[in-house]
């Protein structure tokens, strides 16, 4: 059973990924406006009102700030952990949510024949999750805001047919960049983000299974990274063993297929 996936936007200014498989249509995160999501899906021939669920990874605004609009304007159920919703409600103006479905950060969510595995992460969000979508024998990972290369992450990536993987920063650019020292430490610390080098080494080791069809580098920092820099690092480490793409900070990607 094949899948398609589209990153509608990726980065600290807003995140949202669309996945369609087995007759099920899912959105992961709601960090972009409803209009942006609607228009970008429509450009690929998809109707946001036909989405079955919006699944939220964690409480940071770039992943959840527009969940209320997705729910009220388009009638989409919001799947979120109780702790994530509580933390986000204190931080963002989500408005009234009428259809909220709770899960835990280690749960399996089932939508027909499609299973979504929530995976707890050490990122500094409250009760954050990464996700693996399984449909038939195919597995797609949405792995961003990871904190660090935690135990079992290599095993997870090695089990995938395709992955959106964070490649957030270039260490040299971060060190020389304008961020204050505490923020630089947070980004490169154990509850922050993966660097280009860390992501590349992870993908290189995971590719030894010869299963990965493609990887899309996601959640690139605007100040501390650049698509060309990220791709250069990955190509140097991986020597072209997996086709690579980059999720844009301001627009949707092409349609990616997991065959």
Protein backbone atom coordinates (compact mmCIF):
# COMPACT_ATOMS: atom_id res chain seq x y z
CA UNK A 1 0.00 0.00 0.00
CA UNK A 2 1.60 3.26 -1.11
CA UNK A 3 1.68 6.57 0.76
CA UNK A 4 2.00 10.14 -0.28
CA UNK A 5 3.37 12.92 1.90
CA UNK A 6 3.69 16.70 1.56
CA UNK A 7 5.45 19.10 3.87
CA UNK A 8 3.21 22.17 3.79
CA UNK A 9 5.81 24.15 5.76
CA UNK A 10 8.70 23.35 8.07
CA UNK A 11 10.70 25.47 10.50
CA UNK A 12 10.37 27.68 13.54
CA UNK A 13 7.84 29.85 11.69
CA UNK A 14 5.37 26.98 11.36
CA UNK A 15 5.10 23.25 10.75
CA UNK A 16 2.50 21.06 9.05
CA UNK A 17 2.86 17.77 7.15
CA UNK A 18 0.16 15.98 5.17
CA UNK A 19 0.11 12.18 4.84
CA UNK A 20 -2.36 10.16 2.78
CA UNK A 21 -2.49 6.37 2.70
CA UNK A 22 -5.04 3.58 2.76
CA UNK A 23 -7.90 6.01 2.28
CA UNK A 24 -6.82 7.95 5.39
CA UNK A 25 -5.78 11.61 5.29
CA UNK A 26 -3.82 13.06 8.20
CA UNK A 27 -2.20 16.36 9.12
CA UNK A 28 0.68 16.42 11.56
CA UNK A 29 0.90 19.72 13.47
CA UNK A 30 -0.97 22.97 12.95
CA UNK A 31 1.70 25.65 13.01
CA UNK A 32 0.55 27.38 9.80
CA UNK A 33 -2.71 29.22 9.20
CA UNK A 34 -5.81 27.45 8.01
CA UNK A 35 -5.76 29.46 4.79
CA UNK A 36 -2.14 28.47 4.12
CA UNK A 37 -2.90 24.81 4.74
CA UNK A 38 -6.06 24.91 2.64
CA UNK A 39 -4.41 26.65 -0.32
CA UNK A 40 -1.26 24.51 -0.29
CA UNK A 41 -3.28 21.30 -0.16
CA UNK A 42 -5.60 22.56 -2.92
CA UNK A 43 -2.56 23.27 -5.11
CA UNK A 44 -1.86 19.53 -4.89
CA UNK A 45 -5.49 18.58 -5.52
CA UNK A 46 -6.36 17.87 -1.88
CA UNK A 47 -9.26 19.25 0.19
CA UNK A 48 -8.44 20.10 3.80
CA UNK A 49 -12.05 19.37 4.79
CA UNK A 50 -11.51 15.71 3.91
CA UNK A 51 -8.68 15.34 6.44
CA UNK A 52 -9.48 12.73 9.09
CA UNK A 53 -7.37 14.12 11.95
CA UNK A 54 -4.82 16.71 13.00
CA UNK A 55 -2.17 15.11 15.24
CA UNK A 56 -0.09 17.47 17.37
CA UNK A 57 3.53 16.68 18.26
CA UNK A 58 4.11 19.12 21.14
CA UNK A 59 3.14 22.43 22.71
CA UNK A 60 5.46 24.89 20.94
CA UNK A 61 3.56 27.49 18.95
CA UNK A 62 5.15 26.62 15.62
CA UNK A 63 3.43 23.24 15.89
CA UNK A 64 0.07 23.99 17.51
CA UNK A 65 -0.82 27.69 17.36
CA UNK A 66 -3.50 27.32 14.65
CA UNK A 67 -5.08 24.08 15.88
CA UNK A 68 -8.21 25.93 16.97
CA UNK A 69 -8.77 27.26 13.46
CA UNK A 70 -8.21 23.84 11.92
CA UNK A 71 -10.85 22.46 14.28
CA UNK A 72 -13.47 25.22 14.11
CA UNK A 73 -13.21 26.28 10.45
CA UNK A 74 -12.71 22.87 8.89
CA UNK A 75 -14.27 20.56 11.48
CA UNK A 76 -11.10 18.53 11.99
CA UNK A 77 -10.63 16.53 15.20
CA UNK A 78 -7.48 17.44 17.13
CA UNK A 79 -5.40 14.60 18.57
CA UNK A 80 -3.14 15.85 21.36
CA UNK A 81 -1.79 14.68 24.71
CA UNK A 82 -3.45 16.28 27.76
CA UNK A 83 -0.18 17.79 28.97
CA UNK A 84 0.56 19.24 25.53
CA UNK A 85 -2.87 20.83 25.31
CA UNK A 86 -2.61 22.31 28.81
CA UNK A 87 0.83 23.79 28.13
CA UNK A 88 -0.17 25.14 24.72
CA UNK A 89 -3.38 26.67 26.05
CA UNK A 90 -1.31 28.66 28.54
CA UNK A 91 1.02 29.82 25.78
CA UNK A 92 -1.21 30.29 22.71
CA UNK A 93 -4.71 31.63 22.08
CA UNK A 94 -6.17 28.39 20.79
CA UNK A 95 -9.78 29.38 21.39
CA UNK A 96 -12.55 26.90 22.07
CA UNK A 97 -11.92 23.34 20.90
CA UNK A 98 -15.00 21.15 20.58
CA UNK A 99 -13.46 17.95 19.23
CA UNK A 100 -10.30 16.94 21.08
CA UNK A 101 -9.10 13.32 21.21
CA UNK A 102 -6.39 12.60 23.75
CA UNK A 103 -3.50 10.20 23.38
CA UNK A 104 -0.32 9.44 25.28
CA UNK A 105 3.15 10.00 23.90
CA UNK A 106 3.76 6.26 23.59
CA UNK A 107 0.36 5.29 22.13
CA UNK A 108 -0.68 3.67 18.87
CA UNK A 109 -3.42 5.60 17.07
CA UNK A 110 -5.53 3.68 14.58
CA UNK A 111 -7.33 5.13 11.58
CA UNK A 112 -8.84 2.28 9.60
CA UNK A 113 -5.94 0.11 8.48
CA UNK A 114 -3.40 2.85 9.22
CA UNK A 115 -1.48 2.96 12.50
CA UNK A 116 0.31 6.02 13.86
CA UNK A 117 2.94 5.27 16.49
CA UNK A 118 3.69 8.11 18.89
CA UNK A 119 7.29 8.13 20.11
CA UNK A 120 8.30 10.16 23.20
CA UNK A 121 11.15 12.60 22.57
CA UNK A 122 13.59 14.40 24.90
CA UNK A 123 12.96 17.76 23.20
CA UNK A 124 12.07 20.55 25.63
CA UNK A 125 8.43 20.66 24.67
CA UNK A 126 5.95 19.31 27.20
CA UNK A 127 5.20 15.63 26.56
CA UNK A 128 6.45 15.79 22.97
CA UNK A 129 6.12 13.07 20.36
CA UNK A 130 7.58 12.10 17.03
CA UNK A 131 5.55 9.81 14.76
CA UNK A 132 5.78 6.75 12.56
CA UNK A 133 2.90 6.11 10.15
CA UNK A 134 2.44 2.48 9.17
CA UNK A 135 0.22 1.33 6.32
CA UNK A 136 0.53 -2.25 5.21
CA UNK A 137 4.26 -2.92 5.04
CA UNK A 138 5.17 0.75 4.51
CA UNK A 139 6.50 3.00 7.27
CA UNK A 140 7.02 6.77 7.15
CA UNK A 141 8.68 8.75 9.95
CA UNK A 142 7.99 12.33 11.00
CA UNK A 143 10.95 12.92 13.28
CA UNK A 144 11.59 16.52 14.24
CA UNK A 145 12.21 18.40 17.51
CA UNK A 146 14.06 15.36 18.81
CA UNK A 147 16.38 16.81 21.45
CA UNK A 148 19.28 14.51 20.64
CA UNK A 149 19.98 11.14 19.06
CA UNK A 150 18.22 9.24 21.80
CA UNK A 151 18.22 5.52 22.46
CA UNK A 152 16.26 3.57 19.83
CA UNK A 153 16.28 6.44 17.30
CA UNK A 154 18.67 4.58 15.00
CA UNK A 155 16.50 1.46 15.25
CA UNK A 156 13.42 3.52 14.40
CA UNK A 157 14.96 5.23 11.36
CA UNK A 158 16.38 1.92 10.15
CA UNK A 159 12.85 0.49 10.10
CA UNK A 160 11.47 3.21 7.81
CA UNK A 161 10.83 3.42 4.09
CA UNK A 162 11.02 7.23 4.14
CA UNK A 163 11.51 9.97 6.70
CA UNK A 164 11.11 13.65 7.45
CA UNK A 165 14.11 14.17 9.73
CA UNK A 166 15.17 17.35 11.46
CA UNK A 167 18.51 18.77 10.38
CA UNK A 168 18.20 21.98 12.32
CA UNK A 169 21.56 23.71 12.50
CA UNK A 170 25.12 23.94 11.29
CA UNK A 171 27.41 24.11 14.36
CA UNK A 172 29.73 26.71 12.80
CA UNK A 173 26.84 28.96 11.80
CA UNK A 174 25.26 28.58 15.24
CA UNK A 175 28.51 29.48 17.02
CA UNK A 176 29.05 32.57 14.86
CA UNK A 177 25.41 33.59 14.70
CA UNK A 178 23.45 36.31 16.53
CA UNK A 179 21.69 34.16 19.12
CA UNK A 180 22.48 34.77 22.81
CA UNK A 181 24.63 32.17 24.56
CA UNK A 182 21.75 30.58 26.48
CA UNK A 183 19.78 30.01 23.26
CA UNK A 184 22.77 28.54 21.46
CA UNK A 185 23.24 26.15 24.37
CA UNK A 186 19.58 25.21 24.32
CA UNK A 187 19.65 24.42 20.59
CA UNK A 188 22.74 22.21 20.74
CA UNK A 189 21.91 20.75 24.15
CA UNK A 190 20.21 17.42 24.90
CA UNK A 191 16.71 18.92 24.76
CA UNK A 192 17.21 21.00 21.63
CA UNK A 193 17.67 19.93 18.02
CA UNK A 194 19.78 17.70 15.79
CA UNK A 195 22.61 19.29 13.81
CA UNK A 196 23.24 18.59 10.14
CA UNK A 197 26.14 16.31 11.09
CA UNK A 198 24.09 14.34 13.63
CA UNK A 199 21.21 13.90 11.20
CA UNK A 200 23.54 12.87 8.38
CA UNK A 201 25.36 10.30 10.49
CA UNK A 202 22.03 8.90 11.66
CA UNK A 203 20.74 8.56 8.10
CA UNK A 204 24.02 7.06 6.93
CA UNK A 205 23.88 4.32 9.54
CA UNK A 206 20.16 3.72 8.97
CA UNK A 207 20.66 3.42 5.21
CA UNK A 208 22.68 0.25 5.75
CA UNK A 209 19.38 -1.64 5.78
CA UNK A 210 18.83 -0.50 2.15
CA UNK A 211 15.21 0.27 3.05
CA UNK A 212 15.09 4.07 2.94
CA UNK A 213 13.63 5.35 -0.34
CA UNK A 214 14.17 9.02 0.49
CA UNK A 215 14.75 11.46 3.32
CA UNK A 216 13.46 15.02 3.57
CA UNK A 217 15.51 17.29 5.79
CA UNK A 218 13.16 19.30 7.98
CA UNK A 219 12.98 22.09 10.56
CA UNK A 220 16.06 23.91 9.24
CA UNK A 221 16.96 27.01 11.21
CA UNK A 222 16.71 30.28 9.31
CA UNK A 223 19.61 31.87 11.21
CA UNK A 224 21.85 28.88 11.81
CA UNK A 225 21.48 26.80 8.65
CA UNK A 226 20.83 26.95 4.94
CA UNK A 227 19.50 24.27 2.57
CA UNK A 228 22.76 24.25 0.61
CA UNK A 229 24.81 23.87 3.80
CA UNK A 230 22.61 21.07 5.08
CA UNK A 231 22.68 19.19 1.79
CA UNK A 232 26.45 19.59 1.48
CA UNK A 233 26.98 18.04 4.93
CA UNK A 234 24.60 15.18 4.20
CA UNK A 235 26.14 14.44 0.81
CA UNK A 236 29.63 14.45 2.33
CA UNK A 237 28.61 11.99 5.04
CA UNK A 238 26.21 9.83 3.05
CA UNK A 239 27.87 9.84 -0.39
CA UNK A 240 24.50 9.83 -2.15
CA UNK A 241 23.21 6.58 -0.68
CA UNK A 242 19.69 8.01 -0.11
CA UNK A 243 17.85 10.62 -2.24
CA UNK A 244 17.61 13.83 -0.23
CA UNK A 245 15.14 16.72 -0.24
CA UNK A 246 14.66 19.79 1.93
CA UNK A 247 11.35 20.95 3.42
CA UNK A 248 10.84 24.66 2.75
CA UNK A 249 10.26 27.22 5.51
CA UNK A 250 7.65 29.14 3.50
CA UNK A 251 5.88 26.84 1.05
CA UNK A 252 4.90 23.27 0.32
CA UNK A 253 7.15 20.61 -1.11
CA UNK A 254 6.29 18.43 -4.06
CA UNK A 255 4.30 15.27 -3.42
CA UNK A 256 6.60 12.56 -2.08
CA UNK A 257 5.62 8.95 -2.66
CA UNK A 258 6.48 5.92 -0.54
CA UNK A 259 6.06 3.07 -2.98
